[in-house]
Structures are given as C-alpha cells and as structure tokens.
N, C-alpha and C. Protein backbone atom coordinates (compact mmCIF):
# COMPACT_ATOMS: atom_id res chain seq x y z
N MET A 1 88.14 102.83 99.54
CA MET A 1 87.74 101.99 98.76
C MET A 1 88.10 100.62 99.75
N ASN A 2 87.16 99.64 100.27
CA ASN A 2 87.76 98.64 101.61
C ASN A 2 88.35 97.41 100.55
N ILE A 3 89.47 97.06 100.46
CA ILE A 3 89.81 96.15 100.17
C ILE A 3 90.08 94.73 100.69
N SER A 4 89.71 93.14 100.60
CA SER A 4 89.43 92.08 101.58
C SER A 4 90.84 91.89 101.65
N ALA A 5 90.66 90.95 102.33
CA ALA A 5 92.26 90.29 103.25
C ALA A 5 92.43 89.12 102.39
N THR A 6 91.80 88.54 101.42
CA THR A 6 92.08 87.53 100.35
C THR A 6 92.54 88.23 99.23
N VAL A 7 91.98 89.36 98.89
CA VAL A 7 92.72 90.13 97.96
C VAL A 7 94.45 90.66 98.20
N VAL A 8 94.35 91.28 99.34
CA VAL A 8 95.88 91.39 100.35
C VAL A 8 96.53 90.55 99.99
N GLN A 9 96.47 89.18 100.14
CA GLN A 9 97.24 87.93 100.27
C GLN A 9 97.43 87.88 98.84
N ALA A 10 96.61 88.43 98.05
CA ALA A 10 96.95 87.62 96.98
C ALA A 10 98.00 88.68 96.22
N LEU A 11 97.86 89.90 96.54
CA LEU A 11 98.72 91.49 96.31
C LEU A 11 99.80 90.92 96.81
N ARG A 12 100.18 89.86 98.06
CA ARG A 12 101.46 90.05 99.13
C ARG A 12 102.23 89.31 98.15
N GLU A 13 101.32 87.64 97.60
CA GLU A 13 102.14 87.17 96.93
C GLU A 13 102.51 87.42 95.34
N LEU A 14 101.49 88.21 94.81
CA LEU A 14 102.14 88.73 93.55
C LEU A 14 103.53 89.62 93.79
N ALA A 15 103.61 90.40 94.56
CA ALA A 15 104.38 91.56 94.71
C ALA A 15 106.04 90.41 95.22
N ALA A 16 105.71 89.18 95.60
CA ALA A 16 106.91 88.64 96.47
C ALA A 16 107.81 88.02 94.75
N GLU A 17 106.72 87.32 93.97
CA GLU A 17 107.52 87.55 92.57
C GLU A 17 108.05 88.31 91.50
N SER A 18 107.20 89.10 91.48
CA SER A 18 107.61 90.65 90.79
C SER A 18 106.73 92.22 91.20
N PRO A 19 107.10 93.33 90.71
CA PRO A 19 106.49 94.50 91.22
C PRO A 19 105.12 94.11 90.35
N VAL A 20 104.20 94.72 91.39
CA VAL A 20 102.48 94.87 91.26
C VAL A 20 102.67 96.19 91.06
N SER A 21 101.94 96.44 89.93
CA SER A 21 101.30 97.76 89.44
C SER A 21 100.36 98.49 90.40
N LEU A 22 100.18 99.87 91.23
CA LEU A 22 98.84 100.36 91.78
C LEU A 22 98.63 101.75 91.29
N ARG A 23 97.44 102.14 91.23
CA ARG A 23 97.00 103.43 91.32
C ARG A 23 97.15 103.83 92.75
N VAL A 24 97.72 105.58 92.76
CA VAL A 24 97.33 106.53 93.77
C VAL A 24 96.27 106.79 93.85
N SER A 25 95.84 107.23 94.99
CA SER A 25 94.71 108.41 95.60
C SER A 25 94.77 108.58 96.56
N GLY A 26 94.74 110.33 96.40
CA GLY A 26 95.42 110.96 97.87
C GLY A 26 96.38 111.80 97.66
N GLU A 27 96.92 112.23 98.39
CA GLU A 27 97.57 113.88 98.27
C GLU A 27 98.74 113.24 99.48
N CYS A 28 98.74 112.59 100.58
CA CYS A 28 99.43 112.76 101.69
C CYS A 28 100.69 112.07 101.67
N MET A 29 101.23 112.16 100.76
CA MET A 29 102.84 111.90 100.06
C MET A 29 103.01 113.07 99.48
N ALA A 30 102.49 113.85 98.72
CA ALA A 30 103.07 114.72 97.77
C ALA A 30 104.26 115.40 98.48
N PRO A 31 104.72 116.08 97.94
CA PRO A 31 105.08 115.98 96.60
C PRO A 31 105.54 114.78 96.20
N LEU A 32 106.50 113.95 96.53
CA LEU A 32 107.09 112.64 95.85
C LEU A 32 105.96 111.68 95.25
N LEU A 33 104.72 111.83 95.60
CA LEU A 33 103.59 110.84 94.95
C LEU A 33 102.34 111.50 94.79
N GLU A 34 102.11 111.84 93.44
CA GLU A 34 100.78 112.68 93.60
C GLU A 34 99.70 111.36 93.00
N SER A 35 98.35 111.93 93.68
CA SER A 35 97.51 111.62 93.47
C SER A 35 97.07 110.93 91.86
N GLY A 36 96.63 109.63 91.68
CA GLY A 36 96.63 109.22 90.34
C GLY A 36 97.91 108.64 89.51
N ALA A 37 99.32 109.00 90.30
CA ALA A 37 100.33 108.03 89.67
C ALA A 37 100.06 106.33 89.57
N MET A 38 100.83 106.12 88.89
CA MET A 38 101.10 104.45 89.09
C MET A 38 102.08 104.07 89.72
N ILE A 39 102.33 103.43 90.61
CA ILE A 39 103.51 102.91 91.28
C ILE A 39 103.73 101.76 91.21
N GLU A 40 104.83 100.91 91.63
CA GLU A 40 104.83 99.50 91.85
C GLU A 40 105.58 99.11 92.77
N VAL A 41 105.22 97.69 93.44
CA VAL A 41 105.11 97.83 94.81
C VAL A 41 105.87 96.56 94.48
N VAL A 42 107.15 96.12 95.60
CA VAL A 42 107.53 94.71 95.62
C VAL A 42 107.75 94.42 97.02
N ARG A 43 107.77 93.10 97.42
CA ARG A 43 107.97 92.52 98.69
C ARG A 43 109.11 91.95 98.86
N GLN A 44 109.76 92.71 99.97
CA GLN A 44 110.91 92.22 100.40
C GLN A 44 110.95 91.64 102.11
N ARG A 45 112.36 90.78 102.19
CA ARG A 45 112.07 90.17 103.37
C ARG A 45 112.07 91.08 104.90
N PHE A 46 112.36 92.51 104.71
CA PHE A 46 113.24 93.37 105.59
C PHE A 46 112.68 94.58 104.99
N TYR A 47 112.43 95.89 106.08
CA TYR A 47 112.13 96.99 105.49
C TYR A 47 113.08 97.92 106.60
N TRP A 48 113.44 99.16 106.01
CA TRP A 48 114.01 100.10 106.94
C TRP A 48 112.92 100.96 107.22
N PRO A 49 113.55 101.83 108.28
CA PRO A 49 112.81 103.22 108.61
C PRO A 49 113.02 104.08 107.39
N GLY A 50 111.75 104.53 106.49
CA GLY A 50 111.80 105.48 105.96
C GLY A 50 111.35 105.22 104.25
N ASP A 51 111.48 103.61 104.30
CA ASP A 51 110.89 103.08 103.12
C ASP A 51 109.47 103.50 102.97
N PRO A 52 109.02 103.83 101.97
CA PRO A 52 107.81 104.06 101.70
C PRO A 52 106.98 102.55 101.48
N LEU A 53 105.87 102.15 102.04
CA LEU A 53 105.30 100.93 102.00
C LEU A 53 103.81 101.12 101.82
N ILE A 54 103.30 100.18 101.19
CA ILE A 54 102.09 99.90 101.07
C ILE A 54 101.18 98.81 102.00
N ILE A 55 100.75 99.32 102.56
CA ILE A 55 100.11 98.59 103.90
C ILE A 55 98.33 98.51 104.07
N HIS A 56 97.59 97.44 104.21
CA HIS A 56 96.55 97.36 104.29
C HIS A 56 95.83 97.86 105.57
N ALA A 57 95.32 98.86 105.96
CA ALA A 57 94.58 99.39 106.61
C ALA A 57 93.92 98.93 107.52
N ALA A 58 93.80 99.30 108.90
CA ALA A 58 92.39 97.89 109.52
C ALA A 58 90.90 98.58 109.09
N ASP A 59 90.79 99.79 108.40
CA ASP A 59 90.38 100.22 108.23
C ASP A 59 89.43 99.44 106.41
N GLY A 60 90.17 98.70 106.04
CA GLY A 60 90.39 98.07 104.61
C GLY A 60 90.50 98.94 103.62
N ARG A 61 91.35 100.07 103.89
CA ARG A 61 92.23 100.84 102.73
C ARG A 61 93.87 100.72 102.27
N LEU A 62 94.02 100.50 101.76
CA LEU A 62 95.38 100.75 100.88
C LEU A 62 96.09 101.80 101.02
N LEU A 63 97.24 101.82 101.76
CA LEU A 63 97.86 102.92 102.26
C LEU A 63 99.25 103.14 101.84
N GLY A 64 99.77 103.97 101.43
CA GLY A 64 100.90 104.32 100.71
C GLY A 64 101.68 105.54 101.80
N HIS A 65 102.40 104.71 103.12
CA HIS A 65 102.89 105.84 103.71
C HIS A 65 104.47 105.29 104.13
N ARG A 66 105.54 105.95 104.96
CA ARG A 66 106.45 105.81 104.87
C ARG A 66 106.66 105.01 106.46
N LEU A 67 107.25 103.66 106.54
CA LEU A 67 107.90 102.97 107.80
C LEU A 67 108.81 104.38 108.71
N LEU A 68 108.24 103.76 109.42
CA LEU A 68 108.49 104.31 111.19
C LEU A 68 110.24 104.11 111.81
N GLY A 69 109.00 102.77 111.89
CA GLY A 69 109.74 101.65 112.65
C GLY A 69 108.85 100.72 113.00
N PHE A 70 109.31 99.78 113.85
CA PHE A 70 108.31 98.10 114.08
C PHE A 70 108.91 98.19 116.09
N TYR A 71 107.90 97.51 116.26
CA TYR A 71 107.81 97.41 118.43
C TYR A 71 107.27 96.23 118.51
N PRO A 72 107.65 95.11 119.56
CA PRO A 72 107.33 93.90 119.65
C PRO A 72 105.98 94.25 120.67
N ARG A 73 104.79 93.33 120.22
CA ARG A 73 102.92 93.35 120.71
C ARG A 73 102.90 92.50 120.69
N ALA A 74 102.54 91.94 121.88
CA ALA A 74 101.72 90.11 122.13
C ALA A 74 102.47 89.35 121.21
N GLN A 75 104.13 89.33 121.33
CA GLN A 75 105.12 88.43 120.71
C GLN A 75 105.05 87.82 119.24
N ARG A 76 104.55 89.45 118.91
CA ARG A 76 104.89 89.92 117.11
C ARG A 76 105.13 91.06 117.20
N LEU A 77 105.65 91.67 115.97
CA LEU A 77 106.12 92.69 115.65
C LEU A 77 104.58 93.81 114.76
N ARG A 78 105.11 94.92 115.39
CA ARG A 78 103.90 95.78 114.84
C ARG A 78 104.40 96.85 114.00
N TRP A 79 104.24 97.10 112.82
CA TRP A 79 104.75 98.15 112.02
C TRP A 79 103.73 99.72 111.74
N LEU A 80 105.00 100.49 112.14
CA LEU A 80 104.53 101.88 112.56
C LEU A 80 104.59 102.85 111.02
N THR A 81 103.63 103.13 110.68
CA THR A 81 103.58 104.38 109.29
C THR A 81 103.40 105.61 109.41
N GLN A 82 103.55 106.34 108.61
CA GLN A 82 102.87 107.81 108.97
C GLN A 82 103.03 108.30 107.35
N ALA A 83 102.10 109.02 106.86
CA ALA A 83 102.13 109.84 105.39
C ALA A 83 103.19 110.75 105.71
N ASP A 84 104.26 111.13 104.85
CA ASP A 84 104.58 112.76 104.89
C ASP A 84 103.85 113.97 105.39
N ASN A 85 102.58 114.46 104.69
CA ASN A 85 101.99 115.33 105.33
C ASN A 85 100.94 114.86 106.36
N ALA A 86 100.90 113.57 107.24
CA ALA A 86 100.72 113.69 108.46
C ALA A 86 100.93 114.33 109.55
N ARG A 87 100.05 114.50 110.60
CA ARG A 87 100.85 115.19 111.68
C ARG A 87 101.04 113.92 112.80
N TRP A 88 100.39 112.48 112.69
CA TRP A 88 100.36 111.55 113.63
C TRP A 88 100.66 110.09 112.59
N PRO A 89 101.07 109.20 113.28
CA PRO A 89 101.58 108.06 112.56
C PRO A 89 99.91 106.82 112.70
N ASP A 90 100.37 105.88 111.65
CA ASP A 90 98.71 105.27 111.51
C ASP A 90 98.84 104.25 112.70
N ALA A 91 97.52 103.72 112.53
CA ALA A 91 97.78 102.54 113.67
C ALA A 91 98.73 101.54 113.47
N ALA A 92 99.75 101.03 114.29
CA ALA A 92 100.37 99.78 114.07
C ALA A 92 99.98 98.70 113.27
N VAL A 93 100.43 98.17 112.33
CA VAL A 93 100.05 96.59 111.87
C VAL A 93 100.62 95.46 111.71
N PRO A 94 100.38 94.52 111.91
CA PRO A 94 101.60 93.38 112.12
C PRO A 94 101.70 93.13 110.22
N ALA A 95 102.85 92.51 110.46
CA ALA A 95 103.74 92.21 108.86
C ALA A 95 102.72 91.77 108.01
N GLU A 96 101.80 91.18 108.07
CA GLU A 96 100.75 90.21 107.43
C GLU A 96 100.03 91.77 106.49
N ARG A 97 100.01 92.46 107.09
CA ARG A 97 99.21 93.80 106.97
C ARG A 97 100.06 94.65 105.44
N ILE A 98 101.45 94.10 105.43
CA ILE A 98 102.15 95.20 104.57
C ILE A 98 102.07 94.36 102.98
N ILE A 99 101.75 95.10 102.17
CA ILE A 99 102.40 94.45 100.98
C ILE A 99 103.29 94.80 100.50
N GLY A 100 104.13 95.41 100.74
CA GLY A 100 105.41 95.90 99.86
C GLY A 100 105.85 97.45 99.91
N LYS A 101 106.94 97.47 99.54
CA LYS A 101 107.56 98.61 99.32
C LYS A 101 107.43 99.47 97.57
N ILE A 102 107.11 100.68 97.84
CA ILE A 102 106.81 101.05 96.49
C ILE A 102 108.73 100.98 96.16
N CYS A 103 108.54 100.59 94.51
CA CYS A 103 110.20 100.56 93.81
C CYS A 103 110.13 101.14 92.83
N GLY A 104 109.43 101.80 92.54
CA GLY A 104 108.98 102.97 91.24
C GLY A 104 107.89 103.42 90.63
N GLY A 105 108.29 103.45 89.24
CA GLY A 105 106.35 103.98 88.77
C GLY A 105 106.56 105.73 88.63
N GLN A 106 105.69 106.18 88.64
CA GLN A 106 105.23 107.46 88.63
C GLN A 106 105.57 108.27 89.73
N CYS A 107 106.56 108.53 89.90
CA CYS A 107 106.72 108.82 91.71
C CYS A 107 108.13 109.84 91.63
N ALA A 108 108.73 110.47 92.45
CA ALA A 108 109.46 111.16 92.64
C ALA A 108 110.99 109.69 92.49
N PRO A 109 112.35 109.82 92.36
CA PRO A 109 113.41 109.41 92.50
C PRO A 109 113.76 109.21 93.95
N ALA A 110 113.29 110.11 95.08
CA ALA A 110 113.68 110.19 96.02
C ALA A 110 112.93 109.27 97.16
N LEU A 111 111.45 109.18 96.67
CA LEU A 111 111.25 108.19 97.24
C LEU A 111 110.93 106.64 97.05
N VAL A 112 111.72 106.39 96.13
CA VAL A 112 112.24 105.48 95.88
C VAL A 112 113.90 104.63 96.15
N ARG A 113 114.90 105.59 96.30
CA ARG A 113 115.90 105.58 96.66
C ARG A 113 115.91 106.56 97.86
N VAL A 114 115.54 105.96 99.04
CA VAL A 114 115.06 106.72 100.18
C VAL A 114 116.57 107.88 100.81
N PRO A 115 116.26 109.20 100.72
CA PRO A 115 117.92 109.79 101.09
C PRO A 115 118.18 109.37 102.38
N LEU A 116 118.99 109.75 103.19
CA LEU A 116 119.45 109.60 104.53
C LEU A 116 118.82 110.42 105.24
N ALA A 117 118.44 111.55 104.76
CA ALA A 117 116.93 112.74 105.74
C ALA A 117 116.30 112.40 105.68
N HIS A 118 115.35 111.76 104.76
CA HIS A 118 114.29 110.89 105.19
C HIS A 118 114.04 109.90 106.00
N ARG A 119 115.20 108.93 106.53
CA ARG A 119 115.18 107.93 107.17
C ARG A 119 115.50 108.40 108.23
N ALA A 120 116.55 109.23 109.05
CA ALA A 120 116.67 110.19 109.96
C ALA A 120 115.30 110.38 110.23
N LYS A 121 114.39 110.93 109.85
CA LYS A 121 113.20 112.33 110.09
C LYS A 121 112.22 110.60 110.16
N ALA A 122 112.48 109.76 109.73
CA ALA A 122 111.47 108.94 110.11
C ALA A 122 111.33 108.37 111.79
N ILE A 123 113.13 107.86 111.53
CA ILE A 123 113.71 107.61 113.00
C ILE A 123 113.33 108.46 114.03
N LEU A 124 113.84 109.67 113.78
CA LEU A 124 113.33 110.89 114.79
C LEU A 124 111.93 110.10 115.07
N ARG A 125 110.53 110.58 114.19
CA ARG A 125 109.00 110.33 114.94
C ARG A 125 108.90 109.32 115.21
N PHE A 126 109.63 107.89 115.01
CA PHE A 126 109.40 106.79 116.00
C PHE A 126 109.61 106.83 116.88
N PHE A 127 110.80 107.71 117.57
CA PHE A 127 111.04 107.69 118.82
C PHE A 127 110.41 108.79 119.33
N LEU A 128 110.22 109.69 119.05
CA LEU A 128 109.18 110.96 119.82
C LEU A 128 107.84 110.08 119.88
N PHE A 129 107.50 108.89 118.71
CA PHE A 129 106.11 108.26 119.55
C PHE A 129 105.79 107.63 120.51
N ILE A 130 107.25 107.12 120.47
CA ILE A 130 107.69 105.96 121.48
C ILE A 130 107.64 106.70 122.80
N LEU A 131 108.18 108.10 122.89
CA LEU A 131 108.48 108.50 124.47
C LEU A 131 106.92 109.33 124.79
N ILE A 132 106.16 109.60 123.18
CA ILE A 132 104.62 110.05 123.58
C ILE A 132 103.64 108.42 124.22
N ARG A 133 103.78 107.47 124.06
CA ARG A 133 103.38 106.35 124.02
C ARG A 133 103.51 105.60 125.92
N LEU A 134 105.15 106.25 126.07
CA LEU A 134 105.97 105.73 127.23
C LEU A 134 104.88 107.01 128.65
N GLY A 135 104.02 107.64 127.79
CA GLY A 135 104.12 108.87 128.82
C GLY A 135 105.36 110.18 129.01
N THR A 136 106.62 110.14 128.49
CA THR A 136 107.39 110.89 128.78
C THR A 136 107.56 112.22 128.30
N LEU A 137 106.38 112.18 126.68
CA LEU A 137 107.08 113.23 126.19
C LEU A 137 105.11 113.85 125.76
N HIS A 138 104.71 115.04 125.76
CA HIS A 138 103.64 116.02 125.09
C HIS A 138 103.89 115.87 123.96
N ARG A 139 102.26 115.18 123.30
CA ARG A 139 101.73 115.17 122.11
C ARG A 139 102.28 116.66 121.00
N CYS A 140 102.17 117.41 121.65
CA CYS A 140 102.02 118.86 121.00
C CYS A 140 103.95 119.00 120.21
N VAL A 141 104.70 118.31 120.95
CA VAL A 141 105.97 118.19 120.32
C VAL A 141 105.88 117.61 119.03
N LEU A 142 105.85 116.28 118.84
CA LEU A 142 105.76 115.67 117.60
C LEU A 142 105.05 116.31 116.96
N ALA A 143 103.70 117.20 116.82
CA ALA A 143 102.75 118.17 115.95
C ALA A 143 104.16 119.17 115.88
N LYS A 144 104.98 120.24 116.16
CA LYS A 144 105.70 120.81 116.16
C LYS A 144 107.04 120.32 114.90
N ILE A 145 107.23 119.33 115.24
CA ILE A 145 108.65 118.24 114.44
C ILE A 145 108.12 118.37 113.33
N SER A 146 106.65 117.74 113.34
CA SER A 146 106.56 116.94 111.82
C SER A 146 106.22 118.12 110.67
C-alpha cells in the first residue's frame, strides 16, 4: 500500500505527541514481530543502531525494519535500515522519512527493549555495508553474516 507524503507527515506529527498504532503486514521481522500484529510507534529526537523503526520507503510503503546506522550524504544524514530476515539493507532514507521507533504493542519484548547483541549485530551489518560501498569487501561476506 502506497502512503502519501502528507499522511507520513501527519503520522510523524502524531507520533511526536503520543504513540501511534499501526498494523503490521509481512514476516520480515519475525519472530519478534508477526504479520497482523498491532504496534505502537513513537517519534524520538535520536535513534540508536538496533532500534526498530517505521520508515516511509521510496516506493511508498511503510517498513518496520531495524536501524543499522546513518551517514552524511549531500549535507544531510541518511538512515540505513534492514529487516532482520533480509540479506541486504534497504535504500537509505533522510530523517523526514522516519515515522518513529516501535515502542510497544503486540511484539516481542526484545524488539522494544533491544538487547545488546541485536545492537552489536546492527552495527556490524552497518560497517560491512560501508566496507562494501567503499569497494573493500565483497557482498558475499555480508550474506554469510546475515
């Protein structure tokens, strides 16, 4: 389902005031988040690697994926996410495309209170992505770690 930029902006503003409820569709974050679950999303000032975010992807869909990290590009920060069950990261997005962080609802507690191991894996995936982008590492190494 494609979501308009106007709806995304409204969701961001609502999530800044209080948690917003959304229904999940898809298995990319299973078993921590199952298809059909209702989640709550809240906007924060800053997000840390490993945080589960809801982003507005370039194709118009809302994605619930884990933050790997961020990097500067064209004088703006770009935020890189990846589903737990995906082999490759999503296309990086600017901050305006982040709705917020999953803060509760029908999901595993480890999704909301992110364990150190999940944060470490997100950071590792981010550094491997950067090395691949720099041309110093082949993509097959990232596939083996994921």
